[in-house]
Full PDB file with SEQRES, HELIX, SHEET, SSBOND, CRYST1, ORIGX, SCALE, CONECT and MASTER records, all heavy atoms in Angstrom:
SEQRES   1 A   30  SER LEU PHE ARG PHE ALA GLY PRO LYS LEU ILE VAL ALA          
SEQRES   2 A   30  GLY ASN HIS GLU LEU TRP THR HIS GLY PRO ASP SER HIS          
SEQRES   3 A   30  ALA LEU PHE VAL                                              
HELIX    1 AA1 ASN A   15  LEU A   18  5                                   4    
HELIX    2 AA2 SER A   25  PHE A   29  1                                   5    
CRYST1    1.000    1.000    1.000  90.00  90.00  90.00 P 1           1          
ORIGX1      1.000000  0.000000  0.000000        0.00000                         
ORIGX2      0.000000  1.000000  0.000000        0.00000                         
ORIGX3      0.000000  0.000000  1.000000        0.00000                         
SCALE1      1.000000  0.000000  0.000000        0.00000                         
SCALE2      0.000000  1.000000  0.000000        0.00000                         
SCALE3      0.000000  0.000000  1.000000        0.00000                         
ATOM      1  N   SER A   1     103.822  99.548  99.800  1.00  0.00           N  
ATOM      2  CA  SER A   1     104.737  98.518 100.301  1.00  0.00           C  
ATOM      3  C   SER A   1     104.008  97.355 100.954  1.00  0.00           C  
ATOM      4  O   SER A   1     104.609  96.286 101.165  1.00  0.00           O  
ATOM      5  CB  SER A   1     105.727  99.135 101.289  1.00  0.00           C  
ATOM      6  OG  SER A   1     106.546 100.089 100.653  1.00  0.00           O  
ATOM      7  N   LEU A   2     102.728  97.516 101.285  1.00  0.00           N  
ATOM      8  CA  LEU A   2     101.959  96.430 101.886  1.00  0.00           C  
ATOM      9  C   LEU A   2     101.532  95.374 100.873  1.00  0.00           C  
ATOM     10  O   LEU A   2     101.202  94.248 101.255  1.00  0.00           O  
ATOM     11  CB  LEU A   2     100.715  96.983 102.589  1.00  0.00           C  
ATOM     12  CG  LEU A   2     100.940  97.840 103.831  1.00  0.00           C  
ATOM     13  CD1 LEU A   2      99.607  98.341 104.368  1.00  0.00           C  
ATOM     14  CD2 LEU A   2     101.682  97.048 104.899  1.00  0.00           C  
ATOM     15  N   PHE A   3     101.529  95.725  99.592  1.00  0.00           N  
ATOM     16  CA  PHE A   3     101.112  94.759  98.575  1.00  0.00           C  
ATOM     17  C   PHE A   3     102.207  93.728  98.353  1.00  0.00           C  
ATOM     18  O   PHE A   3     103.358  94.075  98.087  1.00  0.00           O  
ATOM     19  CB  PHE A   3     100.801  95.467  97.259  1.00  0.00           C  
ATOM     20  CG  PHE A   3      99.496  96.215  97.247  1.00  0.00           C  
ATOM     21  CD1 PHE A   3      99.466  97.579  97.469  1.00  0.00           C  
ATOM     22  CD2 PHE A   3      98.302  95.542  97.013  1.00  0.00           C  
ATOM     23  CE1 PHE A   3      98.266  98.274  97.450  1.00  0.00           C  
ATOM     24  CE2 PHE A   3      97.100  96.232  96.994  1.00  0.00           C  
ATOM     25  CZ  PHE A   3      97.081  97.594  97.213  1.00  0.00           C  
ATOM     26  N   ARG A   4     101.845  92.472  98.478  1.00  0.00           N  
ATOM     27  CA  ARG A   4     102.753  91.372  98.167  1.00  0.00           C  
ATOM     28  C   ARG A   4     102.218  90.693  96.915  1.00  0.00           C  
ATOM     29  O   ARG A   4     101.372  89.798  96.964  1.00  0.00           O  
ATOM     30  CB  ARG A   4     102.826  90.388  99.344  1.00  0.00           C  
ATOM     31  CG  ARG A   4     103.361  91.017 100.627  1.00  0.00           C  
ATOM     32  CD  ARG A   4     103.586  89.987 101.722  1.00  0.00           C  
ATOM     33  NE  ARG A   4     102.356  89.303 102.074  1.00  0.00           N  
ATOM     34  CZ  ARG A   4     101.458  89.764 102.944  1.00  0.00           C  
ATOM     35  NH1 ARG A   4     101.653  90.924 103.542  1.00  0.00           N  
ATOM     36  NH2 ARG A   4     100.366  89.072 103.213  1.00  0.00           N  
ATOM     37  N   PHE A   5     102.714  91.139  95.790  1.00  0.00           N  
ATOM     38  CA  PHE A   5     102.150  90.743  94.498  1.00  0.00           C  
ATOM     39  C   PHE A   5     103.300  90.437  93.558  1.00  0.00           C  
ATOM     40  O   PHE A   5     104.155  91.291  93.301  1.00  0.00           O  
ATOM     41  CB  PHE A   5     101.292  91.893  93.951  1.00  0.00           C  
ATOM     42  CG  PHE A   5     100.215  91.458  92.998  1.00  0.00           C  
ATOM     43  CD1 PHE A   5      98.956  91.098  93.457  1.00  0.00           C  
ATOM     44  CD2 PHE A   5     100.461  91.410  91.638  1.00  0.00           C  
ATOM     45  CE1 PHE A   5      97.949  90.701  92.585  1.00  0.00           C  
ATOM     46  CE2 PHE A   5      99.470  91.009  90.751  1.00  0.00           C  
ATOM     47  CZ  PHE A   5      98.215  90.661  91.235  1.00  0.00           C  
ATOM     48  N   ALA A   6     103.331  89.211  93.047  1.00  0.00           N  
ATOM     49  CA  ALA A   6     104.479  88.777  92.256  1.00  0.00           C  
ATOM     50  C   ALA A   6     104.506  89.392  90.860  1.00  0.00           C  
ATOM     51  O   ALA A   6     105.571  89.622  90.297  1.00  0.00           O  
ATOM     52  CB  ALA A   6     104.482  87.249  92.148  1.00  0.00           C  
ATOM     53  N   GLY A   7     103.325  89.661  90.303  1.00  0.00           N  
ATOM     54  CA  GLY A   7     103.248  90.162  88.939  1.00  0.00           C  
ATOM     55  C   GLY A   7     103.434  91.663  88.852  1.00  0.00           C  
ATOM     56  O   GLY A   7     103.717  92.336  89.849  1.00  0.00           O  
ATOM     57  N   PRO A   8     103.271  92.215  87.654  1.00  0.00           N  
ATOM     58  CA  PRO A   8     103.389  93.666  87.475  1.00  0.00           C  
ATOM     59  C   PRO A   8     102.381  94.423  88.337  1.00  0.00           C  
ATOM     60  O   PRO A   8     101.227  94.012  88.478  1.00  0.00           O  
ATOM     61  CB  PRO A   8     103.102  93.862  85.980  1.00  0.00           C  
ATOM     62  CG  PRO A   8     103.417  92.534  85.355  1.00  0.00           C  
ATOM     63  CD  PRO A   8     103.039  91.514  86.372  1.00  0.00           C  
ATOM     64  N   LYS A   9     102.827  95.536  88.885  1.00  0.00           N  
ATOM     65  CA  LYS A   9     101.988  96.393  89.727  1.00  0.00           C  
ATOM     66  C   LYS A   9     101.882  97.758  89.055  1.00  0.00           C  
ATOM     67  O   LYS A   9     102.890  98.452  88.878  1.00  0.00           O  
ATOM     68  CB  LYS A   9     102.588  96.519  91.136  1.00  0.00           C  
ATOM     69  CG  LYS A   9     102.729  95.183  91.854  1.00  0.00           C  
ATOM     70  CD  LYS A   9     103.243  95.345  93.273  1.00  0.00           C  
ATOM     71  CE  LYS A   9     104.677  95.835  93.348  1.00  0.00           C  
ATOM     72  NZ  LYS A   9     105.645  94.834  92.855  1.00  0.00           N  
ATOM     73  N   LEU A  10     100.658  98.133  88.676  1.00  0.00           N  
ATOM     74  CA  LEU A  10     100.403  99.345  87.913  1.00  0.00           C  
ATOM     75  C   LEU A  10      99.695 100.364  88.797  1.00  0.00           C  
ATOM     76  O   LEU A  10      98.892 100.006  89.647  1.00  0.00           O  
ATOM     77  CB  LEU A  10      99.517  99.045  86.693  1.00  0.00           C  
ATOM     78  CG  LEU A  10      99.780  97.746  85.922  1.00  0.00           C  
ATOM     79  CD1 LEU A  10      98.783  97.604  84.786  1.00  0.00           C  
ATOM     80  CD2 LEU A  10     101.210  97.703  85.412  1.00  0.00           C  
ATOM     81  N   ILE A  11      99.963 101.646  88.562  1.00  0.00           N  
ATOM     82  CA  ILE A  11      99.323 102.678  89.376  1.00  0.00           C  
ATOM     83  C   ILE A  11      99.047 103.917  88.537  1.00  0.00           C  
ATOM     84  O   ILE A  11      99.827 104.274  87.649  1.00  0.00           O  
ATOM     85  CB  ILE A  11     100.203 103.043  90.597  1.00  0.00           C  
ATOM     86  CG1 ILE A  11      99.444 103.976  91.552  1.00  0.00           C  
ATOM     87  CG2 ILE A  11     101.539 103.615  90.175  1.00  0.00           C  
ATOM     88  CD1 ILE A  11     100.131 104.161  92.900  1.00  0.00           C  
ATOM     89  N   VAL A  12      97.907 104.538  88.797  1.00  0.00           N  
ATOM     90  CA  VAL A  12      97.640 105.888  88.320  1.00  0.00           C  
ATOM     91  C   VAL A  12      97.377 106.763  89.539  1.00  0.00           C  
ATOM     92  O   VAL A  12      97.036 106.273  90.614  1.00  0.00           O  
ATOM     93  CB  VAL A  12      96.444 105.953  87.343  1.00  0.00           C  
ATOM     94  CG1 VAL A  12      96.713 105.133  86.100  1.00  0.00           C  
ATOM     95  CG2 VAL A  12      95.156 105.495  88.010  1.00  0.00           C  
ATOM     96  N   ALA A  13      97.548 108.056  89.373  1.00  0.00           N  
ATOM     97  CA  ALA A  13      97.288 109.001  90.453  1.00  0.00           C  
ATOM     98  C   ALA A  13      95.810 109.367  90.489  1.00  0.00           C  
ATOM     99  O   ALA A  13      95.080 109.214  89.506  1.00  0.00           O  
ATOM    100  CB  ALA A  13      98.129 110.260  90.262  1.00  0.00           C  
ATOM    101  N   GLY A  14      95.372 109.837  91.643  1.00  0.00           N  
ATOM    102  CA  GLY A  14      94.086 110.495  91.778  1.00  0.00           C  
ATOM    103  C   GLY A  14      94.309 111.954  92.128  1.00  0.00           C  
ATOM    104  O   GLY A  14      95.454 112.418  92.235  1.00  0.00           O  
ATOM    105  N   ASN A  15      93.243 112.683  92.342  1.00  0.00           N  
ATOM    106  CA  ASN A  15      93.416 114.086  92.721  1.00  0.00           C  
ATOM    107  C   ASN A  15      94.118 114.225  94.070  1.00  0.00           C  
ATOM    108  O   ASN A  15      94.874 115.181  94.294  1.00  0.00           O  
ATOM    109  CB  ASN A  15      92.077 114.820  92.724  1.00  0.00           C  
ATOM    110  CG  ASN A  15      91.040 114.194  93.633  1.00  0.00           C  
ATOM    111  OD1 ASN A  15      90.794 112.987  93.562  1.00  0.00           O  
ATOM    112  ND2 ASN A  15      90.422 114.996  94.494  1.00  0.00           N  
ATOM    113  N   HIS A  16      93.944 113.249  94.973  1.00  0.00           N  
ATOM    114  CA  HIS A  16      94.568 113.378  96.297  1.00  0.00           C  
ATOM    115  C   HIS A  16      96.084 113.247  96.233  1.00  0.00           C  
ATOM    116  O   HIS A  16      96.776 113.809  97.085  1.00  0.00           O  
ATOM    117  CB  HIS A  16      93.983 112.342  97.258  1.00  0.00           C  
ATOM    118  CG  HIS A  16      92.680 112.762  97.855  1.00  0.00           C  
ATOM    119  ND1 HIS A  16      92.507 113.030  99.191  1.00  0.00           N  
ATOM    120  CD2 HIS A  16      91.477 112.988  97.278  1.00  0.00           C  
ATOM    121  CE1 HIS A  16      91.258 113.392  99.426  1.00  0.00           C  
ATOM    122  NE2 HIS A  16      90.612 113.366  98.270  1.00  0.00           N  
ATOM    123  N   GLU A  17      96.609 112.528  95.253  1.00  0.00           N  
ATOM    124  CA  GLU A  17      98.072 112.482  95.111  1.00  0.00           C  
ATOM    125  C   GLU A  17      98.643 113.856  94.766  1.00  0.00           C  
ATOM    126  O   GLU A  17      99.833 114.098  94.949  1.00  0.00           O  
ATOM    127  CB  GLU A  17      98.480 111.464  94.039  1.00  0.00           C  
ATOM    128  CG  GLU A  17      98.614 110.045  94.535  1.00  0.00           C  
ATOM    129  CD  GLU A  17      97.274 109.327  94.629  1.00  0.00           C  
ATOM    130  OE1 GLU A  17      96.252 109.874  94.141  1.00  0.00           O  
ATOM    131  OE2 GLU A  17      97.228 108.217  95.180  1.00  0.00           O  
ATOM    132  N   LEU A  18      97.811 114.744  94.251  1.00  0.00           N  
ATOM    133  CA  LEU A  18      98.253 116.091  93.907  1.00  0.00           C  
ATOM    134  C   LEU A  18      98.079 117.074  95.056  1.00  0.00           C  
ATOM    135  O   LEU A  18      98.451 118.245  94.941  1.00  0.00           O  
ATOM    136  CB  LEU A  18      97.515 116.595  92.665  1.00  0.00           C  
ATOM    137  CG  LEU A  18      98.069 116.132  91.307  1.00  0.00           C  
ATOM    138  CD1 LEU A  18      97.963 114.616  91.149  1.00  0.00           C  
ATOM    139  CD2 LEU A  18      97.356 116.825  90.161  1.00  0.00           C  
ATOM    140  N   TRP A  19      97.497 116.630  96.181  1.00  0.00           N  
ATOM    141  CA  TRP A  19      97.343 117.493  97.359  1.00  0.00           C  
ATOM    142  C   TRP A  19      98.705 117.677  98.021  1.00  0.00           C  
ATOM    143  O   TRP A  19      99.399 116.705  98.321  1.00  0.00           O  
ATOM    144  CB  TRP A  19      96.383 116.859  98.356  1.00  0.00           C  
ATOM    145  CG  TRP A  19      94.930 116.969  98.013  1.00  0.00           C  
ATOM    146  CD1 TRP A  19      94.378 117.135  96.785  1.00  0.00           C  
ATOM    147  CD2 TRP A  19      93.838 116.879  98.935  1.00  0.00           C  
ATOM    148  NE1 TRP A  19      93.004 117.165  96.879  1.00  0.00           N  
ATOM    149  CE2 TRP A  19      92.649 117.010  98.186  1.00  0.00           C  
ATOM    150  CE3 TRP A  19      93.761 116.702 100.306  1.00  0.00           C  
ATOM    151  CZ2 TRP A  19      91.389 116.969  98.779  1.00  0.00           C  
ATOM    152  CZ3 TRP A  19      92.510 116.657 100.906  1.00  0.00           C  
ATOM    153  CH2 TRP A  19      91.336 116.797 100.148  1.00  0.00           C  
ATOM    154  N   THR A  20      99.060 118.922  98.277  1.00  0.00           N  
ATOM    155  CA  THR A  20     100.355 119.189  98.888  1.00  0.00           C  
ATOM    156  C   THR A  20     100.347 120.552  99.573  1.00  0.00           C  
ATOM    157  O   THR A  20      99.609 121.460  99.175  1.00  0.00           O  
ATOM    158  CB  THR A  20     101.477 119.158  97.824  1.00  0.00           C  
ATOM    159  OG1 THR A  20     102.727 119.450  98.443  1.00  0.00           O  
ATOM    160  CG2 THR A  20     101.221 120.154  96.706  1.00  0.00           C  
ATOM    161  N   HIS A  21     101.189 120.685 100.604  1.00  0.00           N  
ATOM    162  CA  HIS A  21     101.448 121.984 101.202  1.00  0.00           C  
ATOM    163  C   HIS A  21     102.518 122.743 100.419  1.00  0.00           C  
ATOM    164  O   HIS A  21     102.762 123.916 100.674  1.00  0.00           O  
ATOM    165  CB  HIS A  21     101.906 121.830 102.655  1.00  0.00           C  
ATOM    166  CG  HIS A  21     100.844 121.264 103.554  1.00  0.00           C  
ATOM    167  ND1 HIS A  21      99.663 121.925 103.830  1.00  0.00           N  
ATOM    168  CD2 HIS A  21     100.779 120.089 104.234  1.00  0.00           C  
ATOM    169  CE1 HIS A  21      98.920 121.198 104.648  1.00  0.00           C  
ATOM    170  NE2 HIS A  21      99.577 120.075 104.908  1.00  0.00           N  
ATOM    171  N   GLY A  22     103.148 122.063  99.466  1.00  0.00           N  
ATOM    172  CA  GLY A  22     104.157 122.697  98.640  1.00  0.00           C  
ATOM    173  C   GLY A  22     103.547 123.566  97.559  1.00  0.00           C  
ATOM    174  O   GLY A  22     102.320 123.679  97.438  1.00  0.00           O  
ATOM    175  N   PRO A  23     104.398 124.145  96.706  1.00  0.00           N  
ATOM    176  CA  PRO A  23     103.916 125.148  95.745  1.00  0.00           C  
ATOM    177  C   PRO A  23     103.459 124.605  94.400  1.00  0.00           C  
ATOM    178  O   PRO A  23     102.880 125.358  93.611  1.00  0.00           O  
ATOM    179  CB  PRO A  23     105.134 126.052  95.563  1.00  0.00           C  
ATOM    180  CG  PRO A  23     106.303 125.115  95.718  1.00  0.00           C  
ATOM    181  CD  PRO A  23     105.876 124.114  96.763  1.00  0.00           C  
ATOM    182  N   ASP A  24     103.722 123.328  94.080  1.00  0.00           N  
ATOM    183  CA  ASP A  24     103.558 122.911  92.682  1.00  0.00           C  
ATOM    184  C   ASP A  24     103.092 121.468  92.570  1.00  0.00           C  
ATOM    185  O   ASP A  24     103.894 120.533  92.589  1.00  0.00           O  
ATOM    186  CB  ASP A  24     104.882 123.097  91.937  1.00  0.00           C  
ATOM    187  CG  ASP A  24     104.721 123.023  90.424  1.00  0.00           C  
ATOM    188  OD1 ASP A  24     103.705 122.505  89.957  1.00  0.00           O  
ATOM    189  OD2 ASP A  24     105.634 123.492  89.720  1.00  0.00           O  
ATOM    190  N   SER A  25     101.791 121.269  92.442  1.00  0.00           N  
ATOM    191  CA  SER A  25     101.241 119.927  92.255  1.00  0.00           C  
ATOM    192  C   SER A  25     101.588 119.365  90.886  1.00  0.00           C  
ATOM    193  O   SER A  25     101.732 118.147  90.721  1.00  0.00           O  
ATOM    194  CB  SER A  25      99.715 119.961  92.407  1.00  0.00           C  
ATOM    195  OG  SER A  25      99.331 120.357  93.695  1.00  0.00           O  
ATOM    196  N   HIS A  26     101.711 120.234  89.888  1.00  0.00           N  
ATOM    197  CA  HIS A  26     102.013 119.746  88.540  1.00  0.00           C  
ATOM    198  C   HIS A  26     103.392 119.101  88.497  1.00  0.00           C  
ATOM    199  O   HIS A  26     103.578 118.034  87.887  1.00  0.00           O  
ATOM    200  CB  HIS A  26     101.904 120.883  87.522  1.00  0.00           C  
ATOM    201  CG  HIS A  26     101.871 120.415  86.105  1.00  0.00           C  
ATOM    202  ND1 HIS A  26     103.004 120.315  85.333  1.00  0.00           N  
ATOM    203  CD2 HIS A  26     100.841 119.995  85.319  1.00  0.00           C  
ATOM    204  CE1 HIS A  26     102.683 119.873  84.128  1.00  0.00           C  
ATOM    205  NE2 HIS A  26     101.377 119.670  84.091  1.00  0.00           N  
ATOM    206  N   ALA A  27     104.377 119.729  89.137  1.00  0.00           N  
ATOM    207  CA  ALA A  27     105.714 119.138  89.195  1.00  0.00           C  
ATOM    208  C   ALA A  27     105.682 117.807  89.940  1.00  0.00           C  
ATOM    209  O   ALA A  27     106.372 116.857  89.559  1.00  0.00           O  
ATOM    210  CB  ALA A  27     106.696 120.103  89.854  1.00  0.00           C  
ATOM    211  N   LEU A  28     104.895 117.725  91.005  1.00  0.00           N  
ATOM    212  CA  LEU A  28     104.727 116.458  91.701  1.00  0.00           C  
ATOM    213  C   LEU A  28     104.230 115.381  90.750  1.00  0.00           C  
ATOM    214  O   LEU A  28     104.715 114.244  90.748  1.00  0.00           O  
ATOM    215  CB  LEU A  28     103.721 116.608  92.849  1.00  0.00           C  
ATOM    216  CG  LEU A  28     104.206 117.216  94.161  1.00  0.00           C  
ATOM    217  CD1 LEU A  28     103.015 117.460  95.073  1.00  0.00           C  
ATOM    218  CD2 LEU A  28     105.214 116.300  94.832  1.00  0.00           C  
ATOM    219  N   PHE A  29     103.246 115.757  89.943  1.00  0.00           N  
ATOM    220  CA  PHE A  29     102.584 114.791  89.074  1.00  0.00           C  
ATOM    221  C   PHE A  29     103.493 114.305  87.945  1.00  0.00           C  
ATOM    222  O   PHE A  29     103.526 113.112  87.635  1.00  0.00           O  
ATOM    223  CB  PHE A  29     101.316 115.419  88.493  1.00  0.00           C  
ATOM    224  CG  PHE A  29     100.549 114.520  87.572  1.00  0.00           C  
ATOM    225  CD1 PHE A  29      99.771 113.488  88.066  1.00  0.00           C  
ATOM    226  CD2 PHE A  29     100.619 114.702  86.200  1.00  0.00           C  
ATOM    227  CE1 PHE A  29      99.076 112.659  87.215  1.00  0.00           C  
ATOM    228  CE2 PHE A  29      99.919 113.878  85.344  1.00  0.00           C  
ATOM    229  CZ  PHE A  29      99.145 112.845  85.846  1.00  0.00           C  
ATOM    230  N   VAL A  30     104.211 115.200  87.316  1.00  0.00           N  
ATOM    231  CA  VAL A  30     104.985 114.813  86.136  1.00  0.00           C  
ATOM    232  C   VAL A  30     106.381 114.309  86.480  1.00  0.00           C  
ATOM    233  O   VAL A  30     106.999 113.608  85.673  1.00  0.00           O  
ATOM    234  CB  VAL A  30     105.095 115.984  85.132  1.00  0.00           C  
ATOM    235  CG1 VAL A  30     103.713 116.415  84.660  1.00  0.00           C  
ATOM    236  CG2 VAL A  30     105.856 117.161  85.708  1.00  0.00           C  
TER     237      VAL A  30                                                      
MASTER        0    0    0    2    0    0    0    6  236    1    0    3          
END                                                                             
């Protein structure tokens, strides 16, 4: 939300986006 960018904003995940205390990183990812 800090990015102020008028054009398209693209993102890919890293391994840290899959870090969770929950049971299923794969479900988070997909």
